[in-house]
Full PDB file with SEQRES, HELIX, SHEET, SSBOND, CRYST1, ORIGX, SCALE, CONECT and MASTER records, all heavy atoms in Angstrom:
SEQRES   1 A   36  GLN VAL LEU ILE SER GLU ALA GLY PRO HIS SER PHE HIS          
SEQRES   2 A   36  VAL SER TRP ALA PRO VAL LEU ASP SER VAL VAL SER TYR          
SEQRES   3 A   36  GLN ILE LEU TYR GLY PRO LEU PRO GLY ASN                      
SHEET    1 AA1 2 VAL A   2  SER A   5  0                                        
SHEET    2 AA1 2 HIS A  13  TRP A  16 -1                                        
CRYST1    1.000    1.000    1.000  90.00  90.00  90.00 P 1           1          
ORIGX1      1.000000  0.000000  0.000000        0.00000                         
ORIGX2      0.000000  1.000000  0.000000        0.00000                         
ORIGX3      0.000000  0.000000  1.000000        0.00000                         
SCALE1      1.000000  0.000000  0.000000        0.00000                         
SCALE2      0.000000  1.000000  0.000000        0.00000                         
SCALE3      0.000000  0.000000  1.000000        0.00000                         
ATOM      1  N   GLN A   1       3.325   7.798  -6.418  1.00  0.00           N  
ATOM      2  CA  GLN A   1       2.891   8.160  -5.082  1.00  0.00           C  
ATOM      3  C   GLN A   1       2.162   7.001  -4.440  1.00  0.00           C  
ATOM      4  O   GLN A   1       1.464   6.246  -5.102  1.00  0.00           O  
ATOM      5  CB  GLN A   1       2.028   9.415  -5.060  1.00  0.00           C  
ATOM      6  CG  GLN A   1       0.995   9.456  -6.133  1.00  0.00           C  
ATOM      7  CD  GLN A   1       0.183  10.750  -6.128  1.00  0.00           C  
ATOM      8  OE1 GLN A   1      -0.704  10.874  -6.923  1.00  0.00           O  
ATOM      9  NE2 GLN A   1       0.445  11.695  -5.262  1.00  0.00           N  
ATOM     10  N   VAL A   2       2.403   6.842  -3.146  1.00  0.00           N  
ATOM     11  CA  VAL A   2       1.690   5.853  -2.345  1.00  0.00           C  
ATOM     12  C   VAL A   2       1.031   6.633  -1.226  1.00  0.00           C  
ATOM     13  O   VAL A   2       1.702   7.372  -0.509  1.00  0.00           O  
ATOM     14  CB  VAL A   2       2.647   4.795  -1.772  1.00  0.00           C  
ATOM     15  CG1 VAL A   2       1.920   3.894  -0.781  1.00  0.00           C  
ATOM     16  CG2 VAL A   2       3.229   3.944  -2.890  1.00  0.00           C  
ATOM     17  N   LEU A   3      -0.287   6.515  -1.113  1.00  0.00           N  
ATOM     18  CA  LEU A   3      -1.021   7.268  -0.095  1.00  0.00           C  
ATOM     19  C   LEU A   3      -1.620   6.310   0.920  1.00  0.00           C  
ATOM     20  O   LEU A   3      -2.196   5.285   0.547  1.00  0.00           O  
ATOM     21  CB  LEU A   3      -2.153   8.067  -0.751  1.00  0.00           C  
ATOM     22  CG  LEU A   3      -1.695   9.112  -1.769  1.00  0.00           C  
ATOM     23  CD1 LEU A   3      -2.868   9.662  -2.538  1.00  0.00           C  
ATOM     24  CD2 LEU A   3      -0.959  10.240  -1.056  1.00  0.00           C  
ATOM     25  N   ILE A   4      -1.475   6.641   2.171  1.00  0.00           N  
ATOM     26  CA  ILE A   4      -2.073   5.861   3.244  1.00  0.00           C  
ATOM     27  C   ILE A   4      -3.225   6.693   3.810  1.00  0.00           C  
ATOM     28  O   ILE A   4      -3.065   7.881   4.072  1.00  0.00           O  
ATOM     29  CB  ILE A   4      -1.056   5.607   4.384  1.00  0.00           C  
ATOM     30  CG1 ILE A   4       0.261   5.051   3.823  1.00  0.00           C  
ATOM     31  CG2 ILE A   4      -1.661   4.714   5.455  1.00  0.00           C  
ATOM     32  CD1 ILE A   4       0.216   3.651   3.318  1.00  0.00           C  
ATOM     33  N   SER A   5      -4.394   6.077   3.964  1.00  0.00           N  
ATOM     34  CA  SER A   5      -5.527   6.830   4.495  1.00  0.00           C  
ATOM     35  C   SER A   5      -6.381   5.905   5.353  1.00  0.00           C  
ATOM     36  O   SER A   5      -6.158   4.692   5.400  1.00  0.00           O  
ATOM     37  CB  SER A   5      -6.352   7.426   3.351  1.00  0.00           C  
ATOM     38  OG  SER A   5      -6.786   6.395   2.489  1.00  0.00           O  
ATOM     39  N   GLU A   6      -7.379   6.506   6.002  1.00  0.00           N  
ATOM     40  CA  GLU A   6      -8.360   5.754   6.784  1.00  0.00           C  
ATOM     41  C   GLU A   6      -7.699   4.770   7.743  1.00  0.00           C  
ATOM     42  O   GLU A   6      -8.094   3.602   7.829  1.00  0.00           O  
ATOM     43  CB  GLU A   6      -9.311   4.988   5.841  1.00  0.00           C  
ATOM     44  CG  GLU A   6     -10.127   5.908   4.949  1.00  0.00           C  
ATOM     45  CD  GLU A   6     -10.847   5.148   3.844  1.00  0.00           C  
ATOM     46  OE1 GLU A   6     -11.337   4.044   4.116  1.00  0.00           O  
ATOM     47  OE2 GLU A   6     -10.912   5.663   2.723  1.00  0.00           O  
ATOM     48  N   ALA A   7      -6.672   5.237   8.449  1.00  0.00           N  
ATOM     49  CA  ALA A   7      -5.987   4.339   9.384  1.00  0.00           C  
ATOM     50  C   ALA A   7      -6.837   4.132  10.631  1.00  0.00           C  
ATOM     51  O   ALA A   7      -7.333   5.096  11.226  1.00  0.00           O  
ATOM     52  CB  ALA A   7      -4.633   4.929   9.763  1.00  0.00           C  
ATOM     53  N   GLY A   8      -7.037   2.877  10.993  1.00  0.00           N  
ATOM     54  CA  GLY A   8      -7.704   2.530  12.244  1.00  0.00           C  
ATOM     55  C   GLY A   8      -6.732   1.731  13.088  1.00  0.00           C  
ATOM     56  O   GLY A   8      -5.557   1.613  12.738  1.00  0.00           O  
ATOM     57  N   PRO A   9      -7.189   1.157  14.198  1.00  0.00           N  
ATOM     58  CA  PRO A   9      -6.266   0.370  15.021  1.00  0.00           C  
ATOM     59  C   PRO A   9      -5.780  -0.908  14.326  1.00  0.00           C  
ATOM     60  O   PRO A   9      -4.685  -1.371  14.598  1.00  0.00           O  
ATOM     61  CB  PRO A   9      -7.076   0.029  16.273  1.00  0.00           C  
ATOM     62  CG  PRO A   9      -8.428   0.603  16.109  1.00  0.00           C  
ATOM     63  CD  PRO A   9      -8.499   1.355  14.818  1.00  0.00           C  
ATOM     64  N   HIS A  10      -6.601  -1.474  13.430  1.00  0.00           N  
ATOM     65  CA  HIS A  10      -6.245  -2.781  12.855  1.00  0.00           C  
ATOM     66  C   HIS A  10      -6.158  -2.784  11.342  1.00  0.00           C  
ATOM     67  O   HIS A  10      -5.995  -3.838  10.734  1.00  0.00           O  
ATOM     68  CB  HIS A  10      -7.270  -3.843  13.282  1.00  0.00           C  
ATOM     69  CG  HIS A  10      -7.353  -3.990  14.769  1.00  0.00           C  
ATOM     70  ND1 HIS A  10      -6.330  -4.514  15.513  1.00  0.00           N  
ATOM     71  CD2 HIS A  10      -8.322  -3.633  15.649  1.00  0.00           C  
ATOM     72  CE1 HIS A  10      -6.672  -4.498  16.797  1.00  0.00           C  
ATOM     73  NE2 HIS A  10      -7.866  -3.948  16.906  1.00  0.00           N  
ATOM     74  N   SER A  11      -6.312  -1.622  10.713  1.00  0.00           N  
ATOM     75  CA  SER A  11      -6.284  -1.613   9.248  1.00  0.00           C  
ATOM     76  C   SER A  11      -5.954  -0.208   8.750  1.00  0.00           C  
ATOM     77  O   SER A  11      -6.050   0.762   9.495  1.00  0.00           O  
ATOM     78  CB  SER A  11      -7.644  -2.030   8.678  1.00  0.00           C  
ATOM     79  OG  SER A  11      -8.610  -1.044   8.990  1.00  0.00           O  
ATOM     80  N   PHE A  12      -5.534  -0.138   7.501  1.00  0.00           N  
ATOM     81  CA  PHE A  12      -5.455   1.156   6.816  1.00  0.00           C  
ATOM     82  C   PHE A  12      -5.646   0.897   5.328  1.00  0.00           C  
ATOM     83  O   PHE A  12      -5.588  -0.237   4.848  1.00  0.00           O  
ATOM     84  CB  PHE A  12      -4.146   1.912   7.099  1.00  0.00           C  
ATOM     85  CG  PHE A  12      -2.890   1.093   6.947  1.00  0.00           C  
ATOM     86  CD1 PHE A  12      -2.390   0.760   5.704  1.00  0.00           C  
ATOM     87  CD2 PHE A  12      -2.192   0.674   8.078  1.00  0.00           C  
ATOM     88  CE1 PHE A  12      -1.225   0.020   5.576  1.00  0.00           C  
ATOM     89  CE2 PHE A  12      -1.025  -0.070   7.960  1.00  0.00           C  
ATOM     90  CZ  PHE A  12      -0.536  -0.407   6.705  1.00  0.00           C  
ATOM     91  N   HIS A  13      -5.896   1.985   4.622  1.00  0.00           N  
ATOM     92  CA  HIS A  13      -6.191   1.936   3.197  1.00  0.00           C  
ATOM     93  C   HIS A  13      -4.931   2.400   2.472  1.00  0.00           C  
ATOM     94  O   HIS A  13      -4.341   3.409   2.852  1.00  0.00           O  
ATOM     95  CB  HIS A  13      -7.367   2.899   2.959  1.00  0.00           C  
ATOM     96  CG  HIS A  13      -7.902   2.845   1.584  1.00  0.00           C  
ATOM     97  ND1 HIS A  13      -7.651   3.813   0.650  1.00  0.00           N  
ATOM     98  CD2 HIS A  13      -8.704   1.939   0.969  1.00  0.00           C  
ATOM     99  CE1 HIS A  13      -8.277   3.504  -0.484  1.00  0.00           C  
ATOM    100  NE2 HIS A  13      -8.920   2.372  -0.312  1.00  0.00           N  
ATOM    101  N   VAL A  14      -4.498   1.661   1.450  1.00  0.00           N  
ATOM    102  CA  VAL A  14      -3.320   2.033   0.667  1.00  0.00           C  
ATOM    103  C   VAL A  14      -3.781   2.299  -0.763  1.00  0.00           C  
ATOM    104  O   VAL A  14      -4.502   1.488  -1.343  1.00  0.00           O  
ATOM    105  CB  VAL A  14      -2.289   0.879   0.623  1.00  0.00           C  
ATOM    106  CG1 VAL A  14      -1.025   1.318  -0.113  1.00  0.00           C  
ATOM    107  CG2 VAL A  14      -1.944   0.392   2.013  1.00  0.00           C  
ATOM    108  N   SER A  15      -3.382   3.432  -1.323  1.00  0.00           N  
ATOM    109  CA  SER A  15      -3.676   3.677  -2.737  1.00  0.00           C  
ATOM    110  C   SER A  15      -2.416   4.194  -3.408  1.00  0.00           C  
ATOM    111  O   SER A  15      -1.503   4.684  -2.754  1.00  0.00           O  
ATOM    112  CB  SER A  15      -4.840   4.661  -2.896  1.00  0.00           C  
ATOM    113  OG  SER A  15      -4.554   5.857  -2.225  1.00  0.00           O  
ATOM    114  N   TRP A  16      -2.371   4.068  -4.727  1.00  0.00           N  
ATOM    115  CA  TRP A  16      -1.159   4.455  -5.452  1.00  0.00           C  
ATOM    116  C   TRP A  16      -1.533   4.972  -6.825  1.00  0.00           C  
ATOM    117  O   TRP A  16      -2.637   4.762  -7.308  1.00  0.00           O  
ATOM    118  CB  TRP A  16      -0.198   3.255  -5.568  1.00  0.00           C  
ATOM    119  CG  TRP A  16      -0.842   2.037  -6.133  1.00  0.00           C  
ATOM    120  CD1 TRP A  16      -0.969   1.697  -7.446  1.00  0.00           C  
ATOM    121  CD2 TRP A  16      -1.492   0.994  -5.391  1.00  0.00           C  
ATOM    122  NE1 TRP A  16      -1.655   0.513  -7.568  1.00  0.00           N  
ATOM    123  CE2 TRP A  16      -1.982   0.055  -6.324  1.00  0.00           C  
ATOM    124  CE3 TRP A  16      -1.704   0.773  -4.026  1.00  0.00           C  
ATOM    125  CZ2 TRP A  16      -2.674  -1.085  -5.941  1.00  0.00           C  
ATOM    126  CZ3 TRP A  16      -2.398  -0.373  -3.649  1.00  0.00           C  
ATOM    127  CH2 TRP A  16      -2.875  -1.290  -4.595  1.00  0.00           C  
ATOM    128  N   ALA A  17      -0.594   5.665  -7.428  1.00  0.00           N  
ATOM    129  CA  ALA A  17      -0.771   6.215  -8.770  1.00  0.00           C  
ATOM    130  C   ALA A  17       0.598   6.274  -9.442  1.00  0.00           C  
ATOM    131  O   ALA A  17       1.605   6.319  -8.762  1.00  0.00           O  
ATOM    132  CB  ALA A  17      -1.372   7.624  -8.665  1.00  0.00           C  
ATOM    133  N   PRO A  18       0.674   6.309 -10.757  1.00  0.00           N  
ATOM    134  CA  PRO A  18      -0.453   6.133 -11.676  1.00  0.00           C  
ATOM    135  C   PRO A  18      -0.777   4.658 -11.869  1.00  0.00           C  
ATOM    136  O   PRO A  18       0.015   3.806 -11.488  1.00  0.00           O  
ATOM    137  CB  PRO A  18       0.108   6.727 -12.967  1.00  0.00           C  
ATOM    138  CG  PRO A  18       1.578   6.417 -12.911  1.00  0.00           C  
ATOM    139  CD  PRO A  18       1.947   6.510 -11.450  1.00  0.00           C  
ATOM    140  N   VAL A  19      -1.935   4.372 -12.476  1.00  0.00           N  
ATOM    141  CA  VAL A  19      -2.256   3.003 -12.881  1.00  0.00           C  
ATOM    142  C   VAL A  19      -1.889   2.886 -14.354  1.00  0.00           C  
ATOM    143  O   VAL A  19      -2.298   3.702 -15.167  1.00  0.00           O  
ATOM    144  CB  VAL A  19      -3.751   2.705 -12.659  1.00  0.00           C  
ATOM    145  CG1 VAL A  19      -4.126   1.359 -13.250  1.00  0.00           C  
ATOM    146  CG2 VAL A  19      -4.067   2.726 -11.179  1.00  0.00           C  
ATOM    147  N   LEU A  20      -1.080   1.887 -14.694  1.00  0.00           N  
ATOM    148  CA  LEU A  20      -0.547   1.772 -16.054  1.00  0.00           C  
ATOM    149  C   LEU A  20      -1.004   0.479 -16.717  1.00  0.00           C  
ATOM    150  O   LEU A  20      -1.097  -0.560 -16.070  1.00  0.00           O  
ATOM    151  CB  LEU A  20       0.986   1.779 -15.995  1.00  0.00           C  
ATOM    152  CG  LEU A  20       1.598   3.023 -15.349  1.00  0.00           C  
ATOM    153  CD1 LEU A  20       3.027   2.771 -14.973  1.00  0.00           C  
ATOM    154  CD2 LEU A  20       1.494   4.196 -16.292  1.00  0.00           C  
ATOM    155  N   ASP A  21      -1.240   0.557 -18.023  1.00  0.00           N  
ATOM    156  CA  ASP A  21      -1.665  -0.637 -18.776  1.00  0.00           C  
ATOM    157  C   ASP A  21      -0.611  -1.738 -18.767  1.00  0.00           C  
ATOM    158  O   ASP A  21      -0.935  -2.909 -18.903  1.00  0.00           O  
ATOM    159  CB  ASP A  21      -1.925  -0.268 -20.246  1.00  0.00           C  
ATOM    160  CG  ASP A  21      -3.210   0.533 -20.387  1.00  0.00           C  
ATOM    161  OD1 ASP A  21      -4.007   0.528 -19.433  1.00  0.00           O  
ATOM    162  OD2 ASP A  21      -3.394   1.159 -21.437  1.00  0.00           O  
ATOM    163  N   SER A  22       0.656  -1.329 -18.643  1.00  0.00           N  
ATOM    164  CA  SER A  22       1.716  -2.333 -18.753  1.00  0.00           C  
ATOM    165  C   SER A  22       1.955  -3.096 -17.447  1.00  0.00           C  
ATOM    166  O   SER A  22       2.841  -3.925 -17.374  1.00  0.00           O  
ATOM    167  CB  SER A  22       3.008  -1.662 -19.216  1.00  0.00           C  
ATOM    168  OG  SER A  22       3.274  -0.527 -18.422  1.00  0.00           O  
ATOM    169  N   VAL A  23       1.155  -2.795 -16.409  1.00  0.00           N  
ATOM    170  CA  VAL A  23       1.317  -3.485 -15.123  1.00  0.00           C  
ATOM    171  C   VAL A  23       0.372  -4.679 -15.053  1.00  0.00           C  
ATOM    172  O   VAL A  23      -0.820  -4.560 -15.304  1.00  0.00           O  
ATOM    173  CB  VAL A  23       1.035  -2.519 -13.950  1.00  0.00           C  
ATOM    174  CG1 VAL A  23       1.069  -3.264 -12.619  1.00  0.00           C  
ATOM    175  CG2 VAL A  23       2.050  -1.389 -13.938  1.00  0.00           C  
ATOM    176  N   VAL A  24       0.924  -5.850 -14.735  1.00  0.00           N  
ATOM    177  CA  VAL A  24       0.114  -7.064 -14.601  1.00  0.00           C  
ATOM    178  C   VAL A  24      -0.512  -7.113 -13.214  1.00  0.00           C  
ATOM    179  O   VAL A  24      -1.670  -7.443 -13.042  1.00  0.00           O  
ATOM    180  CB  VAL A  24       0.986  -8.324 -14.786  1.00  0.00           C  
ATOM    181  CG1 VAL A  24       0.117  -9.578 -14.756  1.00  0.00           C  
ATOM    182  CG2 VAL A  24       1.753  -8.253 -16.075  1.00  0.00           C  
ATOM    183  N   SER A  25       0.302  -6.791 -12.206  1.00  0.00           N  
ATOM    184  CA  SER A  25      -0.217  -6.837 -10.842  1.00  0.00           C  
ATOM    185  C   SER A  25       0.631  -5.933  -9.951  1.00  0.00           C  
ATOM    186  O   SER A  25       1.727  -5.513 -10.331  1.00  0.00           O  
ATOM    187  CB  SER A  25      -0.177  -8.273 -10.302  1.00  0.00           C  
ATOM    188  OG  SER A  25       1.157  -8.712 -10.198  1.00  0.00           O  
ATOM    189  N   TYR A  26       0.070  -5.627  -8.794  1.00  0.00           N  
ATOM    190  CA  TYR A  26       0.815  -4.891  -7.774  1.00  0.00           C  
ATOM    191  C   TYR A  26       0.985  -5.811  -6.570  1.00  0.00           C  
ATOM    192  O   TYR A  26       0.059  -6.541  -6.208  1.00  0.00           O  
ATOM    193  CB  TYR A  26       0.047  -3.640  -7.333  1.00  0.00           C  
ATOM    194  CG  TYR A  26      -0.065  -2.597  -8.409  1.00  0.00           C  
ATOM    195  CD1 TYR A  26      -1.197  -2.523  -9.211  1.00  0.00           C  
ATOM    196  CD2 TYR A  26       0.958  -1.675  -8.626  1.00  0.00           C  
ATOM    197  CE1 TYR A  26      -1.313  -1.563 -10.205  1.00  0.00           C  
ATOM    198  CE2 TYR A  26       0.848  -0.711  -9.614  1.00  0.00           C  
ATOM    199  CZ  TYR A  26      -0.286  -0.662 -10.400  1.00  0.00           C  
ATOM    200  OH  TYR A  26      -0.386   0.281 -11.376  1.00  0.00           O  
ATOM    201  N   GLN A  27       2.171  -5.757  -5.969  1.00  0.00           N  
ATOM    202  CA  GLN A  27       2.383  -6.482  -4.729  1.00  0.00           C  
ATOM    203  C   GLN A  27       2.535  -5.452  -3.619  1.00  0.00           C  
ATOM    204  O   GLN A  27       3.321  -4.513  -3.741  1.00  0.00           O  
ATOM    205  CB  GLN A  27       3.648  -7.333  -4.808  1.00  0.00           C  
ATOM    206  CG  GLN A  27       3.459  -8.547  -5.685  1.00  0.00           C  
ATOM    207  CD  GLN A  27       4.732  -9.353  -5.822  1.00  0.00           C  
ATOM    208  OE1 GLN A  27       5.808  -8.879  -5.506  1.00  0.00           O  
ATOM    209  NE2 GLN A  27       4.595 -10.569  -6.306  1.00  0.00           N  
ATOM    210  N   ILE A  28       1.750  -5.623  -2.570  1.00  0.00           N  
ATOM    211  CA  ILE A  28       1.832  -4.722  -1.429  1.00  0.00           C  
ATOM    212  C   ILE A  28       2.501  -5.498  -0.303  1.00  0.00           C  
ATOM    213  O   ILE A  28       1.967  -6.491   0.185  1.00  0.00           O  
ATOM    214  CB  ILE A  28       0.428  -4.225  -0.995  1.00  0.00           C  
ATOM    215  CG1 ILE A  28      -0.235  -3.314  -2.048  1.00  0.00           C  
ATOM    216  CG2 ILE A  28       0.527  -3.357   0.261  1.00  0.00           C  
ATOM    217  CD1 ILE A  28      -0.446  -3.752  -3.364  1.00  0.00           C  
ATOM    218  N   LEU A  29       3.707  -5.060   0.056  1.00  0.00           N  
ATOM    219  CA  LEU A  29       4.438  -5.688   1.161  1.00  0.00           C  
ATOM    220  C   LEU A  29       4.293  -4.799   2.374  1.00  0.00           C  
ATOM    221  O   LEU A  29       4.443  -3.573   2.264  1.00  0.00           O  
ATOM    222  CB  LEU A  29       5.929  -5.823   0.834  1.00  0.00           C  
ATOM    223  CG  LEU A  29       6.342  -6.950  -0.111  1.00  0.00           C  
ATOM    224  CD1 LEU A  29       5.937  -6.654  -1.517  1.00  0.00           C  
ATOM    225  CD2 LEU A  29       7.829  -7.189  -0.027  1.00  0.00           C  
ATOM    226  N   TYR A  30       4.013  -5.384   3.531  1.00  0.00           N  
ATOM    227  CA  TYR A  30       3.888  -4.555   4.727  1.00  0.00           C  
ATOM    228  C   TYR A  30       4.368  -5.333   5.943  1.00  0.00           C  
ATOM    229  O   TYR A  30       4.227  -6.549   6.019  1.00  0.00           O  
ATOM    230  CB  TYR A  30       2.433  -4.084   4.918  1.00  0.00           C  
ATOM    231  CG  TYR A  30       1.431  -5.203   5.078  1.00  0.00           C  
ATOM    232  CD1 TYR A  30       0.998  -5.604   6.351  1.00  0.00           C  
ATOM    233  CD2 TYR A  30       0.920  -5.858   3.967  1.00  0.00           C  
ATOM    234  CE1 TYR A  30       0.082  -6.639   6.488  1.00  0.00           C  
ATOM    235  CE2 TYR A  30       0.009  -6.884   4.104  1.00  0.00           C  
ATOM    236  CZ  TYR A  30      -0.412  -7.277   5.363  1.00  0.00           C  
ATOM    237  OH  TYR A  30      -1.301  -8.308   5.513  1.00  0.00           O  
ATOM    238  N   GLY A  31       4.986  -4.599   6.850  1.00  0.00           N  
ATOM    239  CA  GLY A  31       5.471  -5.216   8.078  1.00  0.00           C  
ATOM    240  C   GLY A  31       5.748  -4.136   9.100  1.00  0.00           C  
ATOM    241  O   GLY A  31       6.013  -2.979   8.737  1.00  0.00           O  
ATOM    242  N   PRO A  32       5.682  -4.496  10.405  1.00  0.00           N  
ATOM    243  CA  PRO A  32       5.909  -3.505  11.456  1.00  0.00           C  
ATOM    244  C   PRO A  32       7.366  -3.064  11.505  1.00  0.00           C  
ATOM    245  O   PRO A  32       8.259  -3.833  11.188  1.00  0.00           O  
ATOM    246  CB  PRO A  32       5.513  -4.250  12.733  1.00  0.00           C  
ATOM    247  CG  PRO A  32       5.612  -5.705  12.397  1.00  0.00           C  
ATOM    248  CD  PRO A  32       5.374  -5.830  10.930  1.00  0.00           C  
ATOM    249  N   LEU A  33       7.561  -1.806  11.877  1.00  0.00           N  
ATOM    250  CA  LEU A  33       8.918  -1.269  12.107  1.00  0.00           C  
ATOM    251  C   LEU A  33       9.118  -1.124  13.605  1.00  0.00           C  
ATOM    252  O   LEU A  33       8.221  -0.642  14.289  1.00  0.00           O  
ATOM    253  CB  LEU A  33       9.052   0.108  11.465  1.00  0.00           C  
ATOM    254  CG  LEU A  33       9.114   0.159   9.937  1.00  0.00           C  
ATOM    255  CD1 LEU A  33       9.045   1.594   9.467  1.00  0.00           C  
ATOM    256  CD2 LEU A  33      10.387  -0.484   9.437  1.00  0.00           C  
ATOM    257  N   PRO A  34      10.261  -1.439  14.182  1.00  0.00           N  
ATOM    258  CA  PRO A  34      11.296  -2.233  13.507  1.00  0.00           C  
ATOM    259  C   PRO A  34      10.849  -3.677  13.445  1.00  0.00           C  
ATOM    260  O   PRO A  34       9.928  -4.062  14.151  1.00  0.00           O  
ATOM    261  CB  PRO A  34      12.503  -2.068  14.441  1.00  0.00           C  
ATOM    262  CG  PRO A  34      11.895  -1.868  15.794  1.00  0.00           C  
ATOM    263  CD  PRO A  34      10.591  -1.140  15.575  1.00  0.00           C  
ATOM    264  N   GLY A  35      11.466  -4.476  12.644  1.00  0.00           N  
ATOM    265  CA  GLY A  35      11.084  -5.876  12.546  1.00  0.00           C  
ATOM    266  C   GLY A  35      11.266  -6.346  11.129  1.00  0.00           C  
ATOM    267  O   GLY A  35      11.493  -5.554  10.228  1.00  0.00           O  
ATOM    268  N   ASN A  36      11.208  -7.649  10.940  1.00  0.00           N  
ATOM    269  CA  ASN A  36      11.414  -8.157   9.583  1.00  0.00           C  
ATOM    270  C   ASN A  36      10.342  -9.165   9.200  1.00  0.00           C  
ATOM    271  O   ASN A  36      10.544  -9.976   8.317  1.00  0.00           O  
ATOM    272  CB  ASN A  36      12.814  -8.782   9.446  1.00  0.00           C  
ATOM    273  CG  ASN A  36      13.085  -9.764  10.570  1.00  0.00           C  
ATOM    274  OD1 ASN A  36      12.165 -10.157  11.283  1.00  0.00           O  
ATOM    275  ND2 ASN A  36      14.335 -10.161  10.716  1.00  0.00           N  
TER     276      ASN A  36                                                      
MASTER        0    0    0    0    2    0    0    6  275    1    0    3          
END                                                                             
C-alpha cells in the first residue's frame, strides 16, 4: 500500500507498507499528470 496524506499546495506526505528487512532502499518517483 502507498498512502498519500497531508497534501498542501506545495507538498504531500507519502508512506508505504510493509517495511521489509530485505529492502536496501526505496525510490520515490513523482511527476505531474499529464506529463513526463
